[in-house]
Amino acid sequence: MKLLITLAAIAMLAASSLAADGPIRHVVHFRFKPGADQAQVQKVVEEFAALRTKIPLIESLEYGTNISPEGLDQGFTHCWIVSFKNAADRDAYLVHPDHKAFASGLKPVLDAALVVDFVTKVVPAK
C-alpha cells in the first residue's frame, strides 16, 4: 500500500511539473489555532524564513501578515510567497526533508493552511 501511495504521489508531481512551465509562485496562507500564543506563532515565522537558507532551490521568500480592511481573510493571518525557477524545483522543495520537518512541526499550532501555486504571467502596461 505504501508503494502505491508513493507511486501516486510521484505521478501527481510529474503531472504538475508538465503542466507548469516557467517561474512558480507558491503562495501559502496560515490560520493559527485560537490557543496558539505569540511565541509559538513567531517560532513558525522564523522556521519558515529559515527554509530560505536550508533549501537552495528557493529563489526568494517573502512573507507578511494580513492588513486587508476587506474582512475576507477567513482568519488567515500570515502569508508567504515562495518563488521557484520552475515546477521541478518546486516539486523537489515539497519533498525536501527540511520542508517536511517544518510542515510536520506545524500540527500543534496550525488550524488551516491554504496553498495556491501559479506560473507567473506578466500583464503588459498600456
PDB file of N, CA and C in Angstrom:
ATOM      1  N   MET A   1       0.821  -1.190   0.000  1.00  0.00           N
ATOM      2  CA  MET A   1       0.000   0.000   0.000  1.00  0.00           C
ATOM      3  C   MET A   1       0.869   1.259   0.000  1.00  0.00           C
ATOM      4  N   LYS A   2       1.944   1.251   0.814  1.00  0.00           N
ATOM      5  CA  LYS A   2       2.841   2.408   0.863  1.00  0.00           C
ATOM      6  C   LYS A   2       3.459   2.662  -0.504  1.00  0.00           C
ATOM      7  N   LEU A   3       3.830   1.583  -1.207  1.00  0.00           N
ATOM      8  CA  LEU A   3       4.416   1.724  -2.540  1.00  0.00           C
ATOM      9  C   LEU A   3       3.416   2.357  -3.490  1.00  0.00           C
ATOM     10  N   LEU A   4       2.153   1.960  -3.424  1.00  0.00           N
ATOM     11  CA  LEU A   4       1.120   2.511  -4.276  1.00  0.00           C
ATOM     12  C   LEU A   4       0.926   4.000  -4.012  1.00  0.00           C
ATOM     13  N   ILE A   5       0.913   4.382  -2.742  1.00  0.00           N
ATOM     14  CA  ILE A   5       0.767   5.794  -2.387  1.00  0.00           C
ATOM     15  C   ILE A   5       1.968   6.595  -2.877  1.00  0.00           C
ATOM     16  N   THR A   6       3.165   6.057  -2.707  1.00  0.00           N
ATOM     17  CA  THR A   6       4.377   6.738  -3.172  1.00  0.00           C
ATOM     18  C   THR A   6       4.352   6.924  -4.683  1.00  0.00           C
ATOM     19  N   LEU A   7       3.975   5.879  -5.414  1.00  0.00           N
ATOM     20  CA  LEU A   7       3.901   5.973  -6.875  1.00  0.00           C
ATOM     21  C   LEU A   7       2.857   6.992  -7.314  1.00  0.00           C
ATOM     22  N   ALA A   8       1.724   7.033  -6.633  1.00  0.00           N
ATOM     23  CA  ALA A   8       0.684   8.015  -6.962  1.00  0.00           C
ATOM     24  C   ALA A   8       1.193   9.430  -6.722  1.00  0.00           C
ATOM     25  N   ALA A   9       1.914   9.640  -5.617  1.00  0.00           N
ATOM     26  CA  ALA A   9       2.465  10.970  -5.319  1.00  0.00           C
ATOM     27  C   ALA A   9       3.471  11.393  -6.379  1.00  0.00           C
ATOM     28  N   ILE A  10       4.319  10.481  -6.804  1.00  0.00           N
ATOM     29  CA  ILE A  10       5.307  10.788  -7.840  1.00  0.00           C
ATOM     30  C   ILE A  10       4.603  11.137  -9.144  1.00  0.00           C
ATOM     31  N   ALA A  11       3.564  10.394  -9.484  1.00  0.00           N
ATOM     32  CA  ALA A  11       2.814  10.666 -10.708  1.00  0.00           C
ATOM     33  C   ALA A  11       2.165  12.042 -10.669  1.00  0.00           C
ATOM     34  N   MET A  12       1.607  12.422  -9.507  1.00  0.00           N
ATOM     35  CA  MET A  12       0.988  13.741  -9.377  1.00  0.00           C
ATOM     36  C   MET A  12       2.025  14.843  -9.504  1.00  0.00           C
ATOM     37  N   LEU A  13       3.186  14.649  -8.897  1.00  0.00           N
ATOM     38  CA  LEU A  13       4.243  15.657  -9.001  1.00  0.00           C
ATOM     39  C   LEU A  13       4.722  15.792 -10.438  1.00  0.00           C
ATOM     40  N   ALA A  14       4.864  14.676 -11.118  1.00  0.00           N
ATOM     41  CA  ALA A  14       5.292  14.711 -12.521  1.00  0.00           C
ATOM     42  C   ALA A  14       4.256  15.423 -13.380  1.00  0.00           C
ATOM     43  N   ALA A  15       2.999  15.142 -13.155  1.00  0.00           N
ATOM     44  CA  ALA A  15       1.939  15.787 -13.925  1.00  0.00           C
ATOM     45  C   ALA A  15       1.919  17.288 -13.675  1.00  0.00           C
ATOM     46  N   SER A  16       2.120  17.707 -12.426  1.00  0.00           N
ATOM     47  CA  SER A  16       2.120  19.137 -12.136  1.00  0.00           C
ATOM     48  C   SER A  16       3.321  19.820 -12.766  1.00  0.00           C
ATOM     49  N   SER A  17       4.440  19.127 -12.839  1.00  0.00           N
ATOM     50  CA  SER A  17       5.627  19.695 -13.473  1.00  0.00           C
ATOM     51  C   SER A  17       5.415  19.894 -14.961  1.00  0.00           C
ATOM     52  N   LEU A  18       4.728  18.950 -15.589  1.00  0.00           N
ATOM     53  CA  LEU A  18       4.478  19.059 -17.016  1.00  0.00           C
ATOM     54  C   LEU A  18       3.501  20.189 -17.326  1.00  0.00           C
ATOM     55  N   ALA A  19       2.573  20.439 -16.410  1.00  0.00           N
ATOM     56  CA  ALA A  19       1.562  21.465 -16.638  1.00  0.00           C
ATOM     57  C   ALA A  19       2.110  22.868 -16.403  1.00  0.00           C
ATOM     58  N   ALA A  20       3.209  22.993 -15.710  1.00  0.00           N
ATOM     59  CA  ALA A  20       3.738  24.300 -15.344  1.00  0.00           C
ATOM     60  C   ALA A  20       5.086  24.523 -16.013  1.00  0.00           C
ATOM     61  N   ASP A  21       5.150  25.602 -16.778  1.00  0.00           N
ATOM     62  CA  ASP A  21       6.397  25.926 -17.448  1.00  0.00           C
ATOM     63  C   ASP A  21       6.730  27.385 -17.150  1.00  0.00           C
ATOM     64  N   GLY A  22       7.784  27.610 -16.408  1.00  0.00           N
ATOM     65  CA  GLY A  22       8.170  28.974 -16.088  1.00  0.00           C
ATOM     66  C   GLY A  22       8.260  29.178 -14.595  1.00  0.00           C
ATOM     67  N   PRO A  23       8.512  30.410 -14.186  1.00  0.00           N
ATOM     68  CA  PRO A  23       8.633  30.703 -12.759  1.00  0.00           C
ATOM     69  C   PRO A  23       7.351  30.341 -12.008  1.00  0.00           C
ATOM     70  N   ILE A  24       7.533  29.749 -10.830  1.00  0.00           N
ATOM     71  CA  ILE A  24       6.413  29.310  -9.998  1.00  0.00           C
ATOM     72  C   ILE A  24       6.370  30.150  -8.733  1.00  0.00           C
ATOM     73  N   ARG A  25       5.173  30.599  -8.390  1.00  0.00           N
ATOM     74  CA  ARG A  25       4.938  31.238  -7.103  1.00  0.00           C
ATOM     75  C   ARG A  25       4.110  30.262  -6.267  1.00  0.00           C
ATOM     76  N   HIS A  26       4.618  29.927  -5.093  1.00  0.00           N
ATOM     77  CA  HIS A  26       3.983  29.003  -4.150  1.00  0.00           C
ATOM     78  C   HIS A  26       3.485  29.889  -3.010  1.00  0.00           C
ATOM     79  N   VAL A  27       2.181  30.126  -2.976  1.00  0.00           N
ATOM     80  CA  VAL A  27       1.585  31.072  -2.029  1.00  0.00           C
ATOM     81  C   VAL A  27       0.927  30.286  -0.898  1.00  0.00           C
ATOM     82  N   VAL A  28       1.363  30.556   0.327  1.00  0.00           N
ATOM     83  CA  VAL A  28       0.931  29.796   1.492  1.00  0.00           C
ATOM     84  C   VAL A  28       0.311  30.747   2.515  1.00  0.00           C
ATOM     85  N   HIS A  29      -0.912  30.419   2.946  1.00  0.00           N
ATOM     86  CA  HIS A  29      -1.601  31.202   3.977  1.00  0.00           C
ATOM     87  C   HIS A  29      -1.804  30.304   5.188  1.00  0.00           C
ATOM     88  N   PHE A  30      -1.612  30.847   6.375  1.00  0.00           N
ATOM     89  CA  PHE A  30      -1.816  30.088   7.609  1.00  0.00           C
ATOM     90  C   PHE A  30      -2.879  30.750   8.473  1.00  0.00           C
ATOM     91  N   ARG A  31      -3.724  29.892   9.049  1.00  0.00           N
ATOM     92  CA  ARG A  31      -4.652  30.301  10.104  1.00  0.00           C
ATOM     93  C   ARG A  31      -4.257  29.484  11.332  1.00  0.00           C
ATOM     94  N   PHE A  32      -3.908  30.175  12.393  1.00  0.00           N
ATOM     95  CA  PHE A  32      -3.439  29.507  13.606  1.00  0.00           C
ATOM     96  C   PHE A  32      -4.609  29.149  14.515  1.00  0.00           C
ATOM     97  N   LYS A  33      -4.398  28.117  15.316  1.00  0.00           N
ATOM     98  CA  LYS A  33      -5.404  27.696  16.281  1.00  0.00           C
ATOM     99  C   LYS A  33      -5.626  28.824  17.289  1.00  0.00           C
ATOM    100  N   PRO A  34      -6.852  28.950  17.801  1.00  0.00           N
ATOM    101  CA  PRO A  34      -7.130  30.011  18.782  1.00  0.00           C
ATOM    102  C   PRO A  34      -6.199  29.975  19.997  1.00  0.00           C
ATOM    103  N   GLY A  35      -5.737  28.811  20.411  1.00  0.00           N
ATOM    104  CA  GLY A  35      -4.873  28.704  21.583  1.00  0.00           C
ATOM    105  C   GLY A  35      -3.399  28.962  21.315  1.00  0.00           C
ATOM    106  N   ALA A  36      -3.023  29.175  20.050  1.00  0.00           N
ATOM    107  CA  ALA A  36      -1.609  29.416  19.727  1.00  0.00           C
ATOM    108  C   ALA A  36      -1.187  30.779  20.278  1.00  0.00           C
ATOM    109  N   ASP A  37      -0.125  30.784  21.072  1.00  0.00           N
ATOM    110  CA  ASP A  37       0.324  32.067  21.621  1.00  0.00           C
ATOM    111  C   ASP A  37       1.325  32.731  20.671  1.00  0.00           C
ATOM    112  N   GLN A  38       1.635  33.972  20.954  1.00  0.00           N
ATOM    113  CA  GLN A  38       2.503  34.768  20.078  1.00  0.00           C
ATOM    114  C   GLN A  38       3.883  34.131  19.909  1.00  0.00           C
ATOM    115  N   ALA A  39       4.416  33.532  20.947  1.00  0.00           N
ATOM    116  CA  ALA A  39       5.740  32.895  20.857  1.00  0.00           C
ATOM    117  C   ALA A  39       5.707  31.709  19.891  1.00  0.00           C
ATOM    118  N   GLN A  40       4.631  30.939  19.928  1.00  0.00           N
ATOM    119  CA  GLN A  40       4.504  29.807  19.009  1.00  0.00           C
ATOM    120  C   GLN A  40       4.386  30.287  17.565  1.00  0.00           C
ATOM    121  N   VAL A  41       3.599  31.309  17.342  1.00  0.00           N
ATOM    122  CA  VAL A  41       3.430  31.871  16.002  1.00  0.00           C
ATOM    123  C   VAL A  41       4.759  32.430  15.505  1.00  0.00           C
ATOM    124  N   GLN A  42       5.474  33.149  16.353  1.00  0.00           N
ATOM    125  CA  GLN A  42       6.770  33.717  15.970  1.00  0.00           C
ATOM    126  C   GLN A  42       7.770  32.611  15.617  1.00  0.00           C
ATOM    127  N   LYS A  43       7.722  31.504  16.324  1.00  0.00           N
ATOM    128  CA  LYS A  43       8.601  30.367  16.020  1.00  0.00           C
ATOM    129  C   LYS A  43       8.307  29.819  14.624  1.00  0.00           C
ATOM    130  N   VAL A  44       7.032  29.727  14.257  1.00  0.00           N
ATOM    131  CA  VAL A  44       6.658  29.278  12.910  1.00  0.00           C
ATOM    132  C   VAL A  44       7.203  30.243  11.861  1.00  0.00           C
ATOM    133  N   VAL A  45       7.040  31.538  12.108  1.00  0.00           N
ATOM    134  CA  VAL A  45       7.544  32.550  11.175  1.00  0.00           C
ATOM    135  C   VAL A  45       9.051  32.385  10.986  1.00  0.00           C
ATOM    136  N   GLU A  46       9.781  32.238  12.059  1.00  0.00           N
ATOM    137  CA  GLU A  46      11.244  32.099  11.981  1.00  0.00           C
ATOM    138  C   GLU A  46      11.655  30.810  11.287  1.00  0.00           C
ATOM    139  N   GLU A  47      10.932  29.718  11.566  1.00  0.00           N
ATOM    140  CA  GLU A  47      11.279  28.443  10.944  1.00  0.00           C
ATOM    141  C   GLU A  47      10.947  28.433   9.455  1.00  0.00           C
ATOM    142  N   PHE A  48       9.863  29.099   9.072  1.00  0.00           N
ATOM    143  CA  PHE A  48       9.533  29.181   7.646  1.00  0.00           C
ATOM    144  C   PHE A  48      10.607  30.012   6.942  1.00  0.00           C
ATOM    145  N   ALA A  49      10.980  31.143   7.520  1.00  0.00           N
ATOM    146  CA  ALA A  49      12.010  32.000   6.931  1.00  0.00           C
ATOM    147  C   ALA A  49      13.346  31.263   6.805  1.00  0.00           C
ATOM    148  N   ALA A  50      13.645  30.391   7.756  1.00  0.00           N
ATOM    149  CA  ALA A  50      14.909  29.650   7.738  1.00  0.00           C
ATOM    150  C   ALA A  50      14.991  28.674   6.566  1.00  0.00           C
ATOM    151  N   LEU A  51      13.846  28.287   6.008  1.00  0.00           N
ATOM    152  CA  LEU A  51      13.880  27.386   4.849  1.00  0.00           C
ATOM    153  C   LEU A  51      14.651  28.011   3.681  1.00  0.00           C
ATOM    154  N   ARG A  52      14.658  29.330   3.613  1.00  0.00           N
ATOM    155  CA  ARG A  52      15.372  30.037   2.528  1.00  0.00           C
ATOM    156  C   ARG A  52      16.860  29.694   2.538  1.00  0.00           C
ATOM    157  N   THR A  53      17.430  29.527   3.718  1.00  0.00           N
ATOM    158  CA  THR A  53      18.861  29.216   3.814  1.00  0.00           C
ATOM    159  C   THR A  53      19.127  27.713   3.780  1.00  0.00           C
ATOM    160  N   LYS A  54      18.107  26.913   4.039  1.00  0.00           N
ATOM    161  CA  LYS A  54      18.280  25.462   4.080  1.00  0.00           C
ATOM    162  C   LYS A  54      18.020  24.783   2.734  1.00  0.00           C
ATOM    163  N   ILE A  55      17.196  25.402   1.901  1.00  0.00           N
ATOM    164  CA  ILE A  55      16.804  24.783   0.633  1.00  0.00           C
ATOM    165  C   ILE A  55      17.178  25.728  -0.506  1.00  0.00           C
ATOM    166  N   PRO A  56      18.300  25.464  -1.171  1.00  0.00           N
ATOM    167  CA  PRO A  56      18.788  26.382  -2.201  1.00  0.00           C
ATOM    168  C   PRO A  56      17.887  26.511  -3.428  1.00  0.00           C
ATOM    169  N   LEU A  57      16.934  25.634  -3.599  1.00  0.00           N
ATOM    170  CA  LEU A  57      16.010  25.720  -4.736  1.00  0.00           C
ATOM    171  C   LEU A  57      15.082  26.930  -4.624  1.00  0.00           C
ATOM    172  N   ILE A  58      14.925  27.467  -3.417  1.00  0.00           N
ATOM    173  CA  ILE A  58      14.081  28.647  -3.221  1.00  0.00           C
ATOM    174  C   ILE A  58      14.813  29.851  -3.779  1.00  0.00           C
ATOM    175  N   GLU A  59      14.190  30.506  -4.766  1.00  0.00           N
ATOM    176  CA  GLU A  59      14.801  31.716  -5.340  1.00  0.00           C
ATOM    177  C   GLU A  59      14.560  32.938  -4.468  1.00  0.00           C
ATOM    178  N   SER A  60      13.358  33.028  -3.903  1.00  0.00           N
ATOM    179  CA  SER A  60      13.060  34.115  -2.973  1.00  0.00           C
ATOM    180  C   SER A  60      11.919  33.685  -2.070  1.00  0.00           C
ATOM    181  N   LEU A  61      11.843  34.339  -0.919  1.00  0.00           N
ATOM    182  CA  LEU A  61      10.786  34.048   0.042  1.00  0.00           C
ATOM    183  C   LEU A  61      10.364  35.369   0.663  1.00  0.00           C
ATOM    184  N   GLU A  62       9.100  35.684   0.521  1.00  0.00           N
ATOM    185  CA  GLU A  62       8.538  36.899   1.102  1.00  0.00           C
ATOM    186  C   GLU A  62       7.425  36.483   2.053  1.00  0.00           C
ATOM    187  N   TYR A  63       7.185  37.279   3.076  1.00  0.00           N
ATOM    188  CA  TYR A  63       6.074  36.972   3.974  1.00  0.00           C
ATOM    189  C   TYR A  63       5.585  38.234   4.656  1.00  0.00           C
ATOM    190  N   GLY A  64       4.399  38.124   5.197  1.00  0.00           N
ATOM    191  CA  GLY A  64       3.824  39.229   5.949  1.00  0.00           C
ATOM    192  C   GLY A  64       2.532  38.780   6.596  1.00  0.00           C
ATOM    193  N   THR A  65       1.933  39.700   7.335  1.00  0.00           N
ATOM    194  CA  THR A  65       0.657  39.409   7.986  1.00  0.00           C
ATOM    195  C   THR A  65      -0.447  40.213   7.312  1.00  0.00           C
ATOM    196  N   ASN A  66      -1.645  39.715   7.429  1.00  0.00           N
ATOM    197  CA  ASN A  66      -2.792  40.321   6.772  1.00  0.00           C
ATOM    198  C   ASN A  66      -3.050  41.730   7.288  1.00  0.00           C
ATOM    199  N   ILE A  67      -3.196  42.662   6.370  1.00  0.00           N
ATOM    200  CA  ILE A  67      -3.569  44.036   6.725  1.00  0.00           C
ATOM    201  C   ILE A  67      -4.772  44.512   5.905  1.00  0.00           C
ATOM    202  N   SER A  68      -5.429  43.581   5.229  1.00  0.00           N
ATOM    203  CA  SER A  68      -6.562  43.945   4.377  1.00  0.00           C
ATOM    204  C   SER A  68      -7.737  44.448   5.216  1.00  0.00           C
ATOM    205  N   PRO A  69      -8.334  45.570   4.810  1.00  0.00           N
ATOM    206  CA  PRO A  69      -9.509  46.073   5.523  1.00  0.00           C
ATOM    207  C   PRO A  69     -10.810  45.423   5.039  1.00  0.00           C
ATOM    208  N   GLU A  70     -10.738  44.511   4.058  1.00  0.00           N
ATOM    209  CA  GLU A  70     -11.952  43.957   3.460  1.00  0.00           C
ATOM    210  C   GLU A  70     -12.686  42.931   4.316  1.00  0.00           C
ATOM    211  N   GLY A  71     -11.971  42.300   5.268  1.00  0.00           N
ATOM    212  CA  GLY A  71     -12.614  41.315   6.116  1.00  0.00           C
ATOM    213  C   GLY A  71     -12.908  39.991   5.425  1.00  0.00           C
ATOM    214  N   LEU A  72     -12.148  39.665   4.393  1.00  0.00           N
ATOM    215  CA  LEU A  72     -12.368  38.432   3.637  1.00  0.00           C
ATOM    216  C   LEU A  72     -11.308  37.378   3.910  1.00  0.00           C
ATOM    217  N   ASP A  73     -10.517  37.573   4.958  1.00  0.00           N
ATOM    218  CA  ASP A  73      -9.361  36.711   5.232  1.00  0.00           C
ATOM    219  C   ASP A  73      -9.704  35.350   5.816  1.00  0.00           C
ATOM    220  N   GLN A  74     -10.945  35.159   6.278  1.00  0.00           N
ATOM    221  CA  GLN A  74     -11.397  33.901   6.873  1.00  0.00           C
ATOM    222  C   GLN A  74     -10.474  33.418   7.995  1.00  0.00           C
ATOM    223  N   GLY A  75      -9.843  34.374   8.681  1.00  0.00           N
ATOM    224  CA  GLY A  75      -8.978  34.037   9.812  1.00  0.00           C
ATOM    225  C   GLY A  75      -7.543  33.718   9.446  1.00  0.00           C
ATOM    226  N   PHE A  76      -7.210  33.740   8.153  1.00  0.00           N
ATOM    227  CA  PHE A  76      -5.823  33.517   7.729  1.00  0.00           C
ATOM    228  C   PHE A  76      -5.060  34.811   7.989  1.00  0.00           C
ATOM    229  N   THR A  77      -4.031  34.705   8.820  1.00  0.00           N
ATOM    230  CA  THR A  77      -3.314  35.905   9.259  1.00  0.00           C
ATOM    231  C   THR A  77      -1.940  36.073   8.635  1.00  0.00           C
ATOM    232  N   HIS A  78      -1.318  34.964   8.207  1.00  0.00           N
ATOM    233  CA  HIS A  78       0.053  35.005   7.707  1.00  0.00           C
ATOM    234  C   HIS A  78       0.117  34.483   6.274  1.00  0.00           C
ATOM    235  N   CYS A  79       0.941  35.121   5.459  1.00  0.00           N
ATOM    236  CA  CYS A  79       1.069  34.731   4.056  1.00  0.00           C
ATOM    237  C   CYS A  79       2.546  34.703   3.665  1.00  0.00           C
ATOM    238  N   TRP A  80       2.921  33.671   2.933  1.00  0.00           N
ATOM    239  CA  TRP A  80       4.272  33.541   2.389  1.00  0.00           C
ATOM    240  C   TRP A  80       4.178  33.348   0.886  1.00  0.00           C
ATOM    241  N   ILE A  81       5.113  33.940   0.168  1.00  0.00           N
ATOM    242  CA  ILE A  81       5.235  33.704  -1.268  1.00  0.00           C
ATOM    243  C   ILE A  81       6.638  33.158  -1.498  1.00  0.00           C
ATOM    244  N   VAL A  82       6.687  31.898  -1.914  1.00  0.00           N
ATOM    245  CA  VAL A  82       7.953  31.228  -2.170  1.00  0.00           C
ATOM    246  C   VAL A  82       8.101  31.115  -3.687  1.00  0.00           C
ATOM    247  N   SER A  83       9.191  31.631  -4.220  1.00  0.00           N
ATOM    248  CA  SER A  83       9.401  31.630  -5.669  1.00  0.00           C
ATOM    249  C   SER A  83      10.427  30.587  -6.072  1.00  0.00           C
ATOM    250  N   PHE A  84      10.102  29.911  -7.173  1.00  0.00           N
ATOM    251  CA  PHE A  84      10.965  28.876  -7.731  1.00  0.00           C
ATOM    252  C   PHE A  84      11.189  29.144  -9.211  1.00  0.00           C
ATOM    253  N   LYS A  85      12.321  28.691  -9.711  1.00  0.00           N
ATOM    254  CA  LYS A  85      12.667  28.864 -11.127  1.00  0.00           C
ATOM    255  C   LYS A  85      11.682  28.127 -12.029  1.00  0.00           C
ATOM    256  N   ASN A  86      11.233  26.965 -11.562  1.00  0.00           N
ATOM    257  CA  ASN A  86      10.334  26.149 -12.380  1.00  0.00           C
ATOM    258  C   ASN A  86       9.611  25.143 -11.484  1.00  0.00           C
ATOM    259  N   ALA A  87       8.721  24.370 -12.099  1.00  0.00           N
ATOM    260  CA  ALA A  87       7.921  23.402 -11.342  1.00  0.00           C
ATOM    261  C   ALA A  87       8.788  22.286 -10.769  1.00  0.00           C
ATOM    262  N   ALA A  88       9.831  21.902 -11.468  1.00  0.00           N
ATOM    263  CA  ALA A  88      10.702  20.829 -10.962  1.00  0.00           C
ATOM    264  C   ALA A  88      11.348  21.244  -9.645  1.00  0.00           C
ATOM    265  N   ASP A  89      11.777  22.504  -9.540  1.00  0.00           N
ATOM    266  CA  ASP A  89      12.370  22.984  -8.289  1.00  0.00           C
ATOM    267  C   ASP A  89      11.324  23.025  -7.180  1.00  0.00           C
ATOM    268  N   ARG A  90      10.102  23.476  -7.511  1.00  0.00           N
ATOM    269  CA  ARG A  90       9.020  23.481  -6.520  1.00  0.00           C
ATOM    270  C   ARG A  90       8.721  22.060  -6.043  1.00  0.00           C
ATOM    271  N   ASP A  91       8.677  21.119  -6.988  1.00  0.00           N
ATOM    272  CA  ASP A  91       8.364  19.727  -6.639  1.00  0.00           C
ATOM    273  C   ASP A  91       9.442  19.132  -5.724  1.00  0.00           C
ATOM    274  N   ALA A  92      10.699  19.467  -5.999  1.00  0.00           N
ATOM    275  CA  ALA A  92      11.795  18.980  -5.151  1.00  0.00           C
ATOM    276  C   ALA A  92      11.719  19.612  -3.757  1.00  0.00           C
ATOM    277  N   TYR A  93      11.315  20.866  -3.682  1.00  0.00           N
ATOM    278  CA  TYR A  93      11.119  21.551  -2.400  1.00  0.00           C
ATOM    279  C   TYR A  93      10.051  20.847  -1.562  1.00  0.00           C
ATOM    280  N   LEU A  94       8.954  20.458  -2.202  1.00  0.00           N
ATOM    281  CA  LEU A  94       7.838  19.854  -1.481  1.00  0.00           C
ATOM    282  C   LEU A  94       8.235  18.576  -0.753  1.00  0.00           C
ATOM    283  N   VAL A  95       9.177  17.827  -1.318  1.00  0.00           N
ATOM    284  CA  VAL A  95       9.592  16.563  -0.691  1.00  0.00           C
ATOM    285  C   VAL A  95      10.931  16.686   0.038  1.00  0.00           C
ATOM    286  N   HIS A  96      11.492  17.878   0.065  1.00  0.00           N
ATOM    287  CA  HIS A  96      12.778  18.103   0.731  1.00  0.00           C
ATOM    288  C   HIS A  96      12.629  17.816   2.232  1.00  0.00           C
ATOM    289  N   PRO A  97      13.590  17.138   2.838  1.00  0.00           N
ATOM    290  CA  PRO A  97      13.484  16.798   4.270  1.00  0.00           C
ATOM    291  C   PRO A  97      13.279  18.004   5.190  1.00  0.00           C
ATOM    292  N   ASP A  98      13.911  19.147   4.883  1.00  0.00           N
ATOM    293  CA  ASP A  98      13.732  20.325   5.739  1.00  0.00           C
ATOM    294  C   ASP A  98      12.310  20.875   5.635  1.00  0.00           C
ATOM    295  N   HIS A  99      11.733  20.830   4.438  1.00  0.00           N
ATOM    296  CA  HIS A  99      10.351  21.272   4.275  1.00  0.00           C
ATOM    297  C   HIS A  99       9.406  20.316   4.992  1.00  0.00           C
ATOM    298  N   LYS A 100       9.643  19.026   4.844  1.00  0.00           N
ATOM    299  CA  LYS A 100       8.806  18.020   5.511  1.00  0.00           C
ATOM    300  C   LYS A 100       8.865  18.180   7.035  1.00  0.00           C
ATOM    301  N   ALA A 101      10.062  18.410   7.569  1.00  0.00           N
ATOM    302  CA  ALA A 101      10.219  18.582   9.019  1.00  0.00           C
ATOM    303  C   ALA A 101       9.476  19.834   9.494  1.00  0.00           C
ATOM    304  N   PHE A 102       9.592  20.913   8.728  1.00  0.00           N
ATOM    305  CA  PHE A 102       8.887  22.143   9.077  1.00  0.00           C
ATOM    306  C   PHE A 102       7.377  21.901   9.098  1.00  0.00           C
ATOM    307  N   ALA A 103       6.855  21.281   8.044  1.00  0.00           N
ATOM    308  CA  ALA A 103       5.416  21.049   7.933  1.00  0.00           C
ATOM    309  C   ALA A 103       4.900  20.157   9.063  1.00  0.00           C
ATOM    310  N   SER A 104       5.658  19.140   9.425  1.00  0.00           N
ATOM    311  CA  SER A 104       5.185  18.244  10.487  1.00  0.00           C
ATOM    312  C   SER A 104       5.174  18.936  11.851  1.00  0.00           C
ATOM    313  N   GLY A 105       5.997  19.951  12.033  1.00  0.00           N
ATOM    314  CA  GLY A 105       6.030  20.686  13.285  1.00  0.00           C
ATOM    315  C   GLY A 105       4.893  21.687  13.453  1.00  0.00           C
ATOM    316  N   LEU A 106       4.096  21.879  12.409  1.00  0.00           N
ATOM    317  CA  LEU A 106       3.012  22.860  12.461  1.00  0.00           C
ATOM    318  C   LEU A 106       1.754  22.348  13.161  1.00  0.00           C
ATOM    319  N   LYS A 107       1.615  21.055  13.264  1.00  0.00           N
ATOM    320  CA  LYS A 107       0.372  20.456  13.758  1.00  0.00           C
ATOM    321  C   LYS A 107      -0.123  21.021  15.093  1.00  0.00           C
ATOM    322  N   PRO A 108       0.740  21.279  16.069  1.00  0.00           N
ATOM    323  CA  PRO A 108       0.230  21.775  17.351  1.00  0.00           C
ATOM    324  C   PRO A 108      -0.392  23.173  17.296  1.00  0.00           C
ATOM    325  N   VAL A 109       0.003  23.989  16.312  1.00  0.00           N
ATOM    326  CA  VAL A 109      -0.454  25.383  16.315  1.00  0.00           C
ATOM    327  C   VAL A 109      -1.275  25.786  15.096  1.00  0.00           C
ATOM    328  N   LEU A 110      -1.243  24.998  14.034  1.00  0.00           N
ATOM    329  CA  LEU A 110      -1.899  25.398  12.789  1.00  0.00           C
ATOM    330  C   LEU A 110      -3.324  24.869  12.723  1.00  0.00           C
ATOM    331  N   ASP A 111      -4.267  25.771  12.493  1.00  0.00           N
ATOM    332  CA  ASP A 111      -5.663  25.395  12.315  1.00  0.00           C
ATOM    333  C   ASP A 111      -5.924  25.015  10.858  1.00  0.00           C
ATOM    334  N   ALA A 112      -5.381  25.799   9.914  1.00  0.00           N
ATOM    335  CA  ALA A 112      -5.598  25.530   8.495  1.00  0.00           C
ATOM    336  C   ALA A 112      -4.504  26.193   7.669  1.00  0.00           C
ATOM    337  N   ALA A 113      -4.262  25.591   6.509  1.00  0.00           N
ATOM    338  CA  ALA A 113      -3.354  26.177   5.525  1.00  0.00           C
ATOM    339  C   ALA A 113      -4.091  26.236   4.203  1.00  0.00           C
ATOM    340  N   LEU A 114      -3.818  27.267   3.452  1.00  0.00           N
ATOM    341  CA  LEU A 114      -4.350  27.415   2.104  1.00  0.00           C
ATOM    342  C   LEU A 114      -3.146  27.643   1.202  1.00  0.00           C
ATOM    343  N   VAL A 115      -2.973  26.771   0.214  1.00  0.00           N
ATOM    344  CA  VAL A 115      -1.800  26.855  -0.657  1.00  0.00           C
ATOM    345  C   VAL A 115      -2.270  26.934  -2.108  1.00  0.00           C
ATOM    346  N   VAL A 116      -1.732  27.903  -2.836  1.00  0.00           N
ATOM    347  CA  VAL A 116      -2.009  28.067  -4.263  1.00  0.00           C
ATOM    348  C   VAL A 116      -0.678  28.277  -4.964  1.00  0.00           C
ATOM    349  N   ASP A 117      -0.455  27.504  -6.029  1.00  0.00           N
ATOM    350  CA  ASP A 117       0.738  27.686  -6.854  1.00  0.00           C
ATOM    351  C   ASP A 117       0.293  28.188  -8.228  1.00  0.00           C
ATOM    352  N   PHE A 118       1.112  29.074  -8.805  1.00  0.00           N
ATOM    353  CA  PHE A 118       0.787  29.525 -10.158  1.00  0.00           C
ATOM    354  C   PHE A 118       2.057  29.828 -10.929  1.00  0.00           C
ATOM    355  N   VAL A 119       1.926  29.722 -12.254  1.00  0.00           N
ATOM    356  CA  VAL A 119       3.007  30.122 -13.168  1.00  0.00           C
ATOM    357  C   VAL A 119       2.805  31.609 -13.405  1.00  0.00           C
ATOM    358  N   THR A 120       3.861  32.378 -13.251  1.00  0.00           N
ATOM    359  CA  THR A 120       3.722  33.831 -13.391  1.00  0.00           C
ATOM    360  C   THR A 120       3.448  34.219 -14.834  1.00  0.00           C
ATOM    361  N   LYS A 121       2.602  35.210 -14.977  1.00  0.00           N
ATOM    362  CA  LYS A 121       2.305  35.825 -16.273  1.00  0.00           C
ATOM    363  C   LYS A 121       2.408  37.317 -16.045  1.00  0.00           C
ATOM    364  N   VAL A 122       3.062  38.006 -16.935  1.00  0.00           N
ATOM    365  CA  VAL A 122       3.233  39.444 -16.808  1.00  0.00           C
ATOM    366  C   VAL A 122       2.122  40.140 -17.583  1.00  0.00           C
ATOM    367  N   VAL A 123       1.476  41.081 -16.923  1.00  0.00           N
ATOM    368  CA  VAL A 123       0.446  41.887 -17.576  1.00  0.00           C
ATOM    369  C   VAL A 123       1.136  43.113 -18.172  1.00  0.00           C
ATOM    370  N   PRO A 124       1.061  43.260 -19.482  1.00  0.00           N
ATOM    371  CA  PRO A 124       1.749  44.396 -20.099  1.00  0.00           C
ATOM    372  C   PRO A 124       1.092  45.733 -19.735  1.00  0.00           C
ATOM    373  N   ALA A 125       1.920  46.745 -19.620  1.00  0.00           N
ATOM    374  CA  ALA A 125       1.415  48.088 -19.355  1.00  0.00           C
ATOM    375  C   ALA A 125       0.798  48.631 -20.644  1.00  0.00           C
ATOM    376  N   LYS A 126      -0.209  49.467 -20.505  1.00  0.00           N
ATOM    377  CA  LYS A 126      -0.854  50.076 -21.683  1.00  0.00           C
ATOM    378  C   LYS A 126      -0.216  51.384 -21.995  1.00  0.00           C
TER     379      LYS A 126
END
